[in-house]
Amino acid sequence: MSAITAADIAAARAQGDLAALLLMASGQPVTSAPKQHAKAVTPLVPRSRPGAWPDGSRSPGLTPDVAAHLHQLWPDRYPAPGGAQ
Protein backbone atom coordinates (compact mmCIF):
# COMPACT_ATOMS: atom_id res chain seq x y z
CA MET A 1 0.00 0.00 0.00
CA SER A 2 1.64 3.19 -1.09
CA ALA A 3 -0.83 5.89 -0.14
CA ILE A 4 -4.00 6.18 1.86
CA THR A 5 -6.81 8.00 0.15
CA ALA A 6 -9.76 9.75 1.72
CA ALA A 7 -11.99 6.95 0.44
CA ASP A 8 -9.84 4.38 2.27
CA ILE A 9 -10.16 6.29 5.54
CA ALA A 10 -13.91 6.68 5.11
CA ALA A 11 -14.33 2.97 4.41
CA ALA A 12 -12.16 2.05 7.42
CA ARG A 13 -14.20 4.32 9.71
CA ALA A 14 -17.42 2.78 8.45
CA GLN A 15 -16.09 -0.70 9.23
CA GLY A 16 -14.61 0.41 12.55
CA ASP A 17 -11.02 -0.65 11.77
CA LEU A 18 -9.24 2.65 11.20
CA ALA A 19 -6.42 1.57 13.53
CA ALA A 20 -5.80 -1.55 11.41
CA LEU A 21 -5.60 0.57 8.27
CA LEU A 22 -3.03 2.89 9.84
CA LEU A 23 -0.98 -0.04 11.14
CA MET A 24 -0.93 -1.66 7.70
CA ALA A 25 0.07 1.62 6.07
CA SER A 26 2.98 2.02 8.48
CA GLY A 27 4.18 -1.53 7.89
CA GLN A 28 3.46 -2.82 11.38
CA PRO A 29 1.75 -6.16 11.93
CA VAL A 30 -1.96 -6.02 12.60
CA THR A 31 -3.17 -8.13 15.49
CA SER A 32 -6.84 -8.82 15.81
CA ALA A 33 -7.89 -7.53 19.19
CA PRO A 34 -11.44 -7.98 20.35
CA LYS A 35 -13.53 -4.85 20.13
CA GLN A 36 -14.38 -3.33 23.47
CA HIS A 37 -18.03 -2.87 24.27
CA ALA A 38 -19.43 -0.49 26.83
CA LYS A 39 -20.46 -2.17 30.06
CA ALA A 40 -24.10 -2.16 30.96
CA VAL A 41 -24.85 0.18 33.82
CA THR A 42 -26.15 -1.68 36.83
CA PRO A 43 -28.00 0.13 39.58
CA LEU A 44 -26.18 0.48 42.87
CA VAL A 45 -27.64 -1.77 45.52
CA PRO A 46 -26.73 -1.07 49.13
CA ARG A 47 -25.14 -4.13 50.65
CA SER A 48 -24.49 -4.81 54.26
CA ARG A 49 -20.83 -5.21 55.13
CA PRO A 50 -19.98 -7.35 58.14
CA GLY A 51 -18.06 -5.33 60.67
CA ALA A 52 -18.86 -1.96 59.11
CA TRP A 53 -20.18 1.00 61.03
CA PRO A 54 -23.61 1.38 59.40
CA ASP A 55 -24.54 4.77 60.84
CA GLY A 56 -21.55 6.57 59.33
CA SER A 57 -19.80 7.07 62.65
CA ARG A 58 -16.17 6.24 63.27
CA SER A 59 -14.62 3.43 65.22
CA PRO A 60 -14.19 4.25 68.92
CA GLY A 61 -10.50 3.40 68.66
CA LEU A 62 -8.23 1.14 70.65
CA THR A 63 -8.92 0.05 74.18
CA PRO A 64 -6.35 1.29 76.72
CA ASP A 65 -4.73 -2.13 77.20
CA VAL A 66 -4.37 -2.68 73.45
CA ALA A 67 -2.96 0.83 73.01
CA ALA A 68 -0.38 0.18 75.76
CA HIS A 69 0.65 -3.12 74.16
CA LEU A 70 1.02 -1.57 70.71
CA HIS A 71 3.07 1.28 72.20
CA GLN A 72 5.44 -1.30 73.72
CA LEU A 73 5.83 -3.06 70.39
CA TRP A 74 6.12 0.03 68.15
CA PRO A 75 6.73 3.19 70.19
CA ASP A 76 7.41 5.23 67.04
CA ARG A 77 4.05 4.27 65.45
CA TYR A 78 1.66 4.34 68.41
CA PRO A 79 1.65 7.08 71.04
CA ALA A 80 1.58 6.17 74.69
CA PRO A 81 -1.90 5.77 76.13
CA GLY A 82 -3.02 8.97 77.76
CA GLY A 83 -0.53 11.02 75.72
CA ALA A 84 2.46 10.47 78.08
CA GLN A 85 5.70 9.25 76.57
PDB file of N, CA and C in Angstrom:
ATOM      1  N   MET A   1       0.856  -1.159   0.000  1.00  0.00           N
ATOM      2  CA  MET A   1       0.000   0.000   0.000  1.00  0.00           C
ATOM      3  C   MET A   1       0.905   1.225   0.000  1.00  0.00           C
ATOM      4  N   SER A   2       0.734   2.058  -0.963  1.00  0.00           N
ATOM      5  CA  SER A   2       1.637   3.193  -1.094  1.00  0.00           C
ATOM      6  C   SER A   2       1.051   4.467  -0.510  1.00  0.00           C
ATOM      7  N   ALA A   3      -0.231   4.672  -0.659  1.00  0.00           N
ATOM      8  CA  ALA A   3      -0.826   5.895  -0.144  1.00  0.00           C
ATOM      9  C   ALA A   3      -2.247   5.609   0.323  1.00  0.00           C
ATOM     10  N   ILE A   4      -2.642   6.327   1.332  1.00  0.00           N
ATOM     11  CA  ILE A   4      -4.000   6.179   1.862  1.00  0.00           C
ATOM     12  C   ILE A   4      -4.826   7.323   1.298  1.00  0.00           C
ATOM     13  N   THR A   5      -5.929   6.969   0.712  1.00  0.00           N
ATOM     14  CA  THR A   5      -6.808   7.996   0.151  1.00  0.00           C
ATOM     15  C   THR A   5      -7.921   8.309   1.131  1.00  0.00           C
ATOM     16  N   ALA A   6      -8.635   9.372   0.876  1.00  0.00           N
ATOM     17  CA  ALA A   6      -9.763   9.749   1.721  1.00  0.00           C
ATOM     18  C   ALA A   6     -10.847   8.684   1.682  1.00  0.00           C
ATOM     19  N   ALA A   7     -10.999   8.021   0.545  1.00  0.00           N
ATOM     20  CA  ALA A   7     -11.992   6.949   0.440  1.00  0.00           C
ATOM     21  C   ALA A   7     -11.607   5.757   1.315  1.00  0.00           C
ATOM     22  N   ASP A   8     -10.297   5.468   1.404  1.00  0.00           N
ATOM     23  CA  ASP A   8      -9.836   4.378   2.268  1.00  0.00           C
ATOM     24  C   ASP A   8     -10.151   4.671   3.729  1.00  0.00           C
ATOM     25  N   ILE A   9      -9.907   5.909   4.145  1.00  0.00           N
ATOM     26  CA  ILE A   9     -10.159   6.288   5.540  1.00  0.00           C
ATOM     27  C   ILE A   9     -11.652   6.250   5.827  1.00  0.00           C
ATOM     28  N   ALA A  10     -12.468   6.716   4.909  1.00  0.00           N
ATOM     29  CA  ALA A  10     -13.912   6.684   5.111  1.00  0.00           C
ATOM     30  C   ALA A  10     -14.421   5.256   5.208  1.00  0.00           C
ATOM     31  N   ALA A  11     -13.909   4.368   4.361  1.00  0.00           N
ATOM     32  CA  ALA A  11     -14.328   2.968   4.410  1.00  0.00           C
ATOM     33  C   ALA A  11     -13.879   2.303   5.707  1.00  0.00           C
ATOM     34  N   ALA A  12     -12.664   2.633   6.178  1.00  0.00           N
ATOM     35  CA  ALA A  12     -12.164   2.051   7.422  1.00  0.00           C
ATOM     36  C   ALA A  12     -12.975   2.542   8.613  1.00  0.00           C
ATOM     37  N   ARG A  13     -13.366   3.803   8.616  1.00  0.00           N
ATOM     38  CA  ARG A  13     -14.200   4.320   9.706  1.00  0.00           C
ATOM     39  C   ARG A  13     -15.564   3.651   9.712  1.00  0.00           C
ATOM     40  N   ALA A  14     -16.116   3.421   8.525  1.00  0.00           N
ATOM     41  CA  ALA A  14     -17.419   2.776   8.449  1.00  0.00           C
ATOM     42  C   ALA A  14     -17.365   1.353   8.983  1.00  0.00           C
ATOM     43  N   GLN A  15     -16.244   0.667   8.742  1.00  0.00           N
ATOM     44  CA  GLN A  15     -16.086  -0.701   9.229  1.00  0.00           C
ATOM     45  C   GLN A  15     -15.584  -0.749  10.668  1.00  0.00           C
ATOM     46  N   GLY A  16     -15.095   0.363  11.182  1.00  0.00           N
ATOM     47  CA  GLY A  16     -14.609   0.406  12.554  1.00  0.00           C
ATOM     48  C   GLY A  16     -13.190  -0.090  12.728  1.00  0.00           C
ATOM     49  N   ASP A  17     -12.399  -0.161  11.656  1.00  0.00           N
ATOM     50  CA  ASP A  17     -11.022  -0.645  11.775  1.00  0.00           C
ATOM     51  C   ASP A  17     -10.015   0.363  11.234  1.00  0.00           C
ATOM     52  N   LEU A  18     -10.163   1.609  11.634  1.00  0.00           N
ATOM     53  CA  LEU A  18      -9.239   2.651  11.203  1.00  0.00           C
ATOM     54  C   LEU A  18      -7.824   2.383  11.737  1.00  0.00           C
ATOM     55  N   ALA A  19      -7.735   1.857  12.955  1.00  0.00           N
ATOM     56  CA  ALA A  19      -6.417   1.567  13.527  1.00  0.00           C
ATOM     57  C   ALA A  19      -5.696   0.505  12.706  1.00  0.00           C
ATOM     58  N   ALA A  20      -6.428  -0.506  12.230  1.00  0.00           N
ATOM     59  CA  ALA A  20      -5.802  -1.548  11.414  1.00  0.00           C
ATOM     60  C   ALA A  20      -5.288  -0.969  10.103  1.00  0.00           C
ATOM     61  N   LEU A  21      -6.048  -0.054   9.515  1.00  0.00           N
ATOM     62  CA  LEU A  21      -5.603   0.567   8.267  1.00  0.00           C
ATOM     63  C   LEU A  21      -4.318   1.355   8.472  1.00  0.00           C
ATOM     64  N   LEU A  22      -4.237   2.103   9.561  1.00  0.00           N
ATOM     65  CA  LEU A  22      -3.033   2.887   9.838  1.00  0.00           C
ATOM     66  C   LEU A  22      -1.838   1.998  10.152  1.00  0.00           C
ATOM     67  N   LEU A  23      -2.078   0.893  10.856  1.00  0.00           N
ATOM     68  CA  LEU A  23      -0.984  -0.037  11.139  1.00  0.00           C
ATOM     69  C   LEU A  23      -0.462  -0.677   9.858  1.00  0.00           C
ATOM     70  N   MET A  24      -1.367  -1.067   8.959  1.00  0.00           N
ATOM     71  CA  MET A  24      -0.930  -1.665   7.699  1.00  0.00           C
ATOM     72  C   MET A  24      -0.162  -0.656   6.850  1.00  0.00           C
ATOM     73  N   ALA A  25      -0.612   0.608   6.868  1.00  0.00           N
ATOM     74  CA  ALA A  25       0.068   1.624   6.069  1.00  0.00           C
ATOM     75  C   ALA A  25       1.462   1.915   6.603  1.00  0.00           C
ATOM     76  N   SER A  26       1.654   1.759   7.911  1.00  0.00           N
ATOM     77  CA  SER A  26       2.976   2.023   8.482  1.00  0.00           C
ATOM     78  C   SER A  26       3.886   0.808   8.432  1.00  0.00           C
ATOM     79  N   GLY A  27       3.349  -0.342   8.010  1.00  0.00           N
ATOM     80  CA  GLY A  27       4.178  -1.530   7.887  1.00  0.00           C
ATOM     81  C   GLY A  27       4.245  -2.366   9.144  1.00  0.00           C
ATOM     82  N   GLN A  28       3.467  -2.052  10.148  1.00  0.00           N
ATOM     83  CA  GLN A  28       3.463  -2.824  11.383  1.00  0.00           C
ATOM     84  C   GLN A  28       2.453  -3.956  11.282  1.00  0.00           C
ATOM     85  N   PRO A  29       2.698  -5.047  11.994  1.00  0.00           N
ATOM     86  CA  PRO A  29       1.753  -6.159  11.931  1.00  0.00           C
ATOM     87  C   PRO A  29       0.440  -5.794  12.615  1.00  0.00           C
ATOM     88  N   VAL A  30      -0.624  -6.285  12.056  1.00  0.00           N
ATOM     89  CA  VAL A  30      -1.957  -6.023  12.602  1.00  0.00           C
ATOM     90  C   VAL A  30      -2.382  -7.240  13.396  1.00  0.00           C
ATOM     91  N   THR A  31      -2.659  -7.045  14.663  1.00  0.00           N
ATOM     92  CA  THR A  31      -3.166  -8.129  15.488  1.00  0.00           C
ATOM     93  C   THR A  31      -4.654  -7.900  15.675  1.00  0.00           C
ATOM     94  N   SER A  32      -5.391  -8.963  15.654  1.00  0.00           N
ATOM     95  CA  SER A  32      -6.837  -8.821  15.806  1.00  0.00           C
ATOM     96  C   SER A  32      -7.171  -8.819  17.290  1.00  0.00           C
ATOM     97  N   ALA A  33      -7.492  -7.670  17.796  1.00  0.00           N
ATOM     98  CA  ALA A  33      -7.889  -7.528  19.189  1.00  0.00           C
ATOM     99  C   ALA A  33      -9.409  -7.450  19.247  1.00  0.00           C
ATOM    100  N   PRO A  34      -9.989  -8.049  20.250  1.00  0.00           N
ATOM    101  CA  PRO A  34     -11.442  -7.982  20.346  1.00  0.00           C
ATOM    102  C   PRO A  34     -11.900  -6.545  20.582  1.00  0.00           C
ATOM    103  N   LYS A  35     -13.005  -6.203  19.958  1.00  0.00           N
ATOM    104  CA  LYS A  35     -13.532  -4.849  20.134  1.00  0.00           C
ATOM    105  C   LYS A  35     -14.116  -4.719  21.530  1.00  0.00           C
ATOM    106  N   GLN A  36     -13.897  -3.570  22.114  1.00  0.00           N
ATOM    107  CA  GLN A  36     -14.385  -3.328  23.465  1.00  0.00           C
ATOM    108  C   GLN A  36     -15.797  -2.773  23.399  1.00  0.00           C
ATOM    109  N   HIS A  37     -16.654  -3.334  24.198  1.00  0.00           N
ATOM    110  CA  HIS A  37     -18.030  -2.872  24.270  1.00  0.00           C
ATOM    111  C   HIS A  37     -18.243  -2.173  25.600  1.00  0.00           C
ATOM    112  N   ALA A  38     -19.121  -1.211  25.590  1.00  0.00           N
ATOM    113  CA  ALA A  38     -19.425  -0.493  26.830  1.00  0.00           C
ATOM    114  C   ALA A  38     -20.151  -1.427  27.788  1.00  0.00           C
ATOM    115  N   LYS A  39     -19.813  -1.339  29.058  1.00  0.00           N
ATOM    116  CA  LYS A  39     -20.465  -2.166  30.056  1.00  0.00           C
ATOM    117  C   LYS A  39     -21.862  -1.640  30.323  1.00  0.00           C
ATOM    118  N   ALA A  40     -22.745  -2.555  30.608  1.00  0.00           N
ATOM    119  CA  ALA A  40     -24.101  -2.163  30.958  1.00  0.00           C
ATOM    120  C   ALA A  40     -24.084  -1.560  32.358  1.00  0.00           C
ATOM    121  N   VAL A  41     -24.794  -0.493  32.528  1.00  0.00           N
ATOM    122  CA  VAL A  41     -24.846   0.183  33.822  1.00  0.00           C
ATOM    123  C   VAL A  41     -25.805  -0.568  34.725  1.00  0.00           C
ATOM    124  N   THR A  42     -25.293  -0.994  35.869  1.00  0.00           N
ATOM    125  CA  THR A  42     -26.146  -1.681  36.832  1.00  0.00           C
ATOM    126  C   THR A  42     -26.459  -0.718  37.972  1.00  0.00           C
ATOM    127  N   PRO A  43     -27.657  -0.776  38.481  1.00  0.00           N
ATOM    128  CA  PRO A  43     -27.998   0.128  39.580  1.00  0.00           C
ATOM    129  C   PRO A  43     -27.228  -0.259  40.844  1.00  0.00           C
ATOM    130  N   LEU A  44     -26.889   0.738  41.625  1.00  0.00           N
ATOM    131  CA  LEU A  44     -26.175   0.484  42.870  1.00  0.00           C
ATOM    132  C   LEU A  44     -27.152  -0.034  43.919  1.00  0.00           C
ATOM    133  N   VAL A  45     -26.798  -1.153  44.503  1.00  0.00           N
ATOM    134  CA  VAL A  45     -27.637  -1.769  45.516  1.00  0.00           C
ATOM    135  C   VAL A  45     -26.874  -1.706  46.830  1.00  0.00           C
ATOM    136  N   PRO A  46     -27.454  -1.100  47.851  1.00  0.00           N
ATOM    137  CA  PRO A  46     -26.728  -1.071  49.130  1.00  0.00           C
ATOM    138  C   PRO A  46     -26.593  -2.482  49.691  1.00  0.00           C
ATOM    139  N   ARG A  47     -25.403  -2.807  50.090  1.00  0.00           N
ATOM    140  CA  ARG A  47     -25.139  -4.132  50.646  1.00  0.00           C
ATOM    141  C   ARG A  47     -24.598  -3.968  52.053  1.00  0.00           C
ATOM    142  N   SER A  48     -25.014  -4.865  52.908  1.00  0.00           N
ATOM    143  CA  SER A  48     -24.486  -4.807  54.262  1.00  0.00           C
ATOM    144  C   SER A  48     -23.080  -5.378  54.263  1.00  0.00           C
ATOM    145  N   ARG A  49     -22.208  -4.753  55.022  1.00  0.00           N
ATOM    146  CA  ARG A  49     -20.834  -5.210  55.132  1.00  0.00           C
ATOM    147  C   ARG A  49     -20.592  -5.654  56.561  1.00  0.00           C
ATOM    148  N   PRO A  50     -20.234  -6.896  56.772  1.00  0.00           N
ATOM    149  CA  PRO A  50     -19.981  -7.350  58.138  1.00  0.00           C
ATOM    150  C   PRO A  50     -18.845  -6.551  58.774  1.00  0.00           C
ATOM    151  N   GLY A  51     -19.077  -6.070  59.949  1.00  0.00           N
ATOM    152  CA  GLY A  51     -18.057  -5.331  60.666  1.00  0.00           C
ATOM    153  C   GLY A  51     -18.025  -3.850  60.354  1.00  0.00           C
ATOM    154  N   ALA A  52     -18.870  -3.380  59.467  1.00  0.00           N
ATOM    155  CA  ALA A  52     -18.861  -1.962  59.110  1.00  0.00           C
ATOM    156  C   ALA A  52     -19.688  -1.169  60.109  1.00  0.00           C
ATOM    157  N   TRP A  53     -19.412   0.116  60.167  1.00  0.00           N
ATOM    158  CA  TRP A  53     -20.184   1.002  61.027  1.00  0.00           C
ATOM    159  C   TRP A  53     -21.325   1.563  60.175  1.00  0.00           C
ATOM    160  N   PRO A  54     -22.536   1.031  60.319  1.00  0.00           N
ATOM    161  CA  PRO A  54     -23.611   1.379  59.397  1.00  0.00           C
ATOM    162  C   PRO A  54     -24.144   2.798  59.525  1.00  0.00           C
ATOM    163  N   ASP A  55     -23.957   3.443  60.663  1.00  0.00           N
ATOM    164  CA  ASP A  55     -24.539   4.769  60.836  1.00  0.00           C
ATOM    165  C   ASP A  55     -23.599   5.893  60.401  1.00  0.00           C
ATOM    166  N   GLY A  56     -22.466   5.559  59.816  1.00  0.00           N
ATOM    167  CA  GLY A  56     -21.550   6.571  59.334  1.00  0.00           C
ATOM    168  C   GLY A  56     -20.603   7.102  60.393  1.00  0.00           C
ATOM    169  N   SER A  57     -20.694   6.595  61.600  1.00  0.00           N
ATOM    170  CA  SER A  57     -19.797   7.069  62.647  1.00  0.00           C
ATOM    171  C   SER A  57     -18.443   6.379  62.515  1.00  0.00           C
ATOM    172  N   ARG A  58     -17.509   6.823  63.310  1.00  0.00           N
ATOM    173  CA  ARG A  58     -16.170   6.244  63.266  1.00  0.00           C
ATOM    174  C   ARG A  58     -16.002   5.201  64.355  1.00  0.00           C
ATOM    175  N   SER A  59     -14.965   4.423  64.210  1.00  0.00           N
ATOM    176  CA  SER A  59     -14.623   3.429  65.218  1.00  0.00           C
ATOM    177  C   SER A  59     -14.230   4.144  66.516  1.00  0.00           C
ATOM    178  N   PRO A  60     -14.550   3.587  67.662  1.00  0.00           N
ATOM    179  CA  PRO A  60     -14.191   4.245  68.917  1.00  0.00           C
ATOM    180  C   PRO A  60     -12.694   4.222  69.204  1.00  0.00           C
ATOM    181  N   GLY A  61     -11.947   3.426  68.471  1.00  0.00           N
ATOM    182  CA  GLY A  61     -10.500   3.399  68.661  1.00  0.00           C
ATOM    183  C   GLY A  61     -10.057   2.208  69.494  1.00  0.00           C
ATOM    184  N   LEU A  62      -8.803   2.254  69.903  1.00  0.00           N
ATOM    185  CA  LEU A  62      -8.226   1.142  70.647  1.00  0.00           C
ATOM    186  C   LEU A  62      -8.607   1.224  72.112  1.00  0.00           C
ATOM    187  N   THR A  63      -8.729   0.067  72.738  1.00  0.00           N
ATOM    188  CA  THR A  63      -8.924   0.051  74.182  1.00  0.00           C
ATOM    189  C   THR A  63      -7.593   0.396  74.841  1.00  0.00           C
ATOM    190  N   PRO A  64      -7.609   0.869  76.066  1.00  0.00           N
ATOM    191  CA  PRO A  64      -6.353   1.286  76.717  1.00  0.00           C
ATOM    192  C   PRO A  64      -5.303   0.176  76.813  1.00  0.00           C
ATOM    193  N   ASP A  65      -5.729  -1.057  77.088  1.00  0.00           N
ATOM    194  CA  ASP A  65      -4.730  -2.129  77.203  1.00  0.00           C
ATOM    195  C   ASP A  65      -4.125  -2.477  75.846  1.00  0.00           C
ATOM    196  N   VAL A  66      -4.906  -2.431  74.782  1.00  0.00           N
ATOM    197  CA  VAL A  66      -4.370  -2.682  73.446  1.00  0.00           C
ATOM    198  C   VAL A  66      -3.438  -1.545  73.036  1.00  0.00           C
ATOM    199  N   ALA A  67      -3.805  -0.311  73.346  1.00  0.00           N
ATOM    200  CA  ALA A  67      -2.963   0.828  73.012  1.00  0.00           C
ATOM    201  C   ALA A  67      -1.612   0.738  73.736  1.00  0.00           C
ATOM    202  N   ALA A  68      -1.626   0.311  75.006  1.00  0.00           N
ATOM    203  CA  ALA A  68      -0.378   0.175  75.758  1.00  0.00           C
ATOM    204  C   ALA A  68       0.497  -0.924  75.157  1.00  0.00           C
ATOM    205  N   HIS A  69      -0.123  -2.027  74.750  1.00  0.00           N
ATOM    206  CA  HIS A  69       0.649  -3.122  74.160  1.00  0.00           C
ATOM    207  C   HIS A  69       1.258  -2.711  72.819  1.00  0.00           C
ATOM    208  N   LEU A  70       0.489  -2.031  71.989  1.00  0.00           N
ATOM    209  CA  LEU A  70       1.021  -1.573  70.706  1.00  0.00           C
ATOM    210  C   LEU A  70       2.127  -0.544  70.894  1.00  0.00           C
ATOM    211  N   HIS A  71       2.019   0.299  71.921  1.00  0.00           N
ATOM    212  CA  HIS A  71       3.073   1.277  72.199  1.00  0.00           C
ATOM    213  C   HIS A  71       4.366   0.579  72.619  1.00  0.00           C
ATOM    214  N   GLN A  72       4.239  -0.542  73.346  1.00  0.00           N
ATOM    215  CA  GLN A  72       5.437  -1.300  73.722  1.00  0.00           C
ATOM    216  C   GLN A  72       6.089  -1.930  72.496  1.00  0.00           C
ATOM    217  N   LEU A  73       5.283  -2.415  71.579  1.00  0.00           N
ATOM    218  CA  LEU A  73       5.835  -3.058  70.391  1.00  0.00           C
ATOM    219  C   LEU A  73       6.435  -2.051  69.423  1.00  0.00           C
ATOM    220  N   TRP A  74       5.701  -0.970  69.124  1.00  0.00           N
ATOM    221  CA  TRP A  74       6.121   0.031  68.150  1.00  0.00           C
ATOM    222  C   TRP A  74       5.953   1.429  68.738  1.00  0.00           C
ATOM    223  N   PRO A  75       6.900   1.876  69.557  1.00  0.00           N
ATOM    224  CA  PRO A  75       6.733   3.192  70.187  1.00  0.00           C
ATOM    225  C   PRO A  75       6.756   4.343  69.189  1.00  0.00           C
ATOM    226  N   ASP A  76       7.374   4.139  68.007  1.00  0.00           N
ATOM    227  CA  ASP A  76       7.407   5.226  67.035  1.00  0.00           C
ATOM    228  C   ASP A  76       6.101   5.328  66.245  1.00  0.00           C
ATOM    229  N   ARG A  77       5.308   4.247  66.208  1.00  0.00           N
ATOM    230  CA  ARG A  77       4.046   4.271  65.452  1.00  0.00           C
ATOM    231  C   ARG A  77       2.847   4.645  66.319  1.00  0.00           C
ATOM    232  N   TYR A  78       2.814   4.139  67.541  1.00  0.00           N
ATOM    233  CA  TYR A  78       1.658   4.337  68.411  1.00  0.00           C
ATOM    234  C   TYR A  78       2.059   5.180  69.610  1.00  0.00           C
ATOM    235  N   PRO A  79       1.324   6.264  69.865  1.00  0.00           N
ATOM    236  CA  PRO A  79       1.651   7.079  71.040  1.00  0.00           C
ATOM    237  C   PRO A  79       1.276   6.338  72.324  1.00  0.00           C
ATOM    238  N   ALA A  80       1.876   6.768  73.406  1.00  0.00           N
ATOM    239  CA  ALA A  80       1.579   6.171  74.686  1.00  0.00           C
ATOM    240  C   ALA A  80       0.142   6.457  75.068  1.00  0.00           C
ATOM    241  N   PRO A  81      -0.522   5.509  75.720  1.00  0.00           N
ATOM    242  CA  PRO A  81      -1.904   5.765  76.130  1.00  0.00           C
ATOM    243  C   PRO A  81      -1.958   6.941  77.107  1.00  0.00           C
ATOM    244  N   GLY A  82      -2.896   7.804  76.909  1.00  0.00           N
ATOM    245  CA  GLY A  82      -3.016   8.973  77.757  1.00  0.00           C
ATOM    246  C   GLY A  82      -2.143  10.132  77.304  1.00  0.00           C
ATOM    247  N   GLY A  83      -1.365   9.949  76.257  1.00  0.00           N
ATOM    248  CA  GLY A  83      -0.530  11.022  75.722  1.00  0.00           C
ATOM    249  C   GLY A  83       0.832  11.152  76.383  1.00  0.00           C
ATOM    250  N   ALA A  84       1.142  10.374  77.417  1.00  0.00           N
ATOM    251  CA  ALA A  84       2.456  10.469  78.079  1.00  0.00           C
ATOM    252  C   ALA A  84       3.453   9.587  77.357  1.00  0.00           C
ATOM    253  N   GLN A  85       4.655  10.037  77.218  1.00  0.00           N
ATOM    254  CA  GLN A  85       5.704   9.249  76.566  1.00  0.00           C
ATOM    255  C   GLN A  85       6.452   8.532  77.613  1.00  0.00           C
TER     256      GLN A  85
END
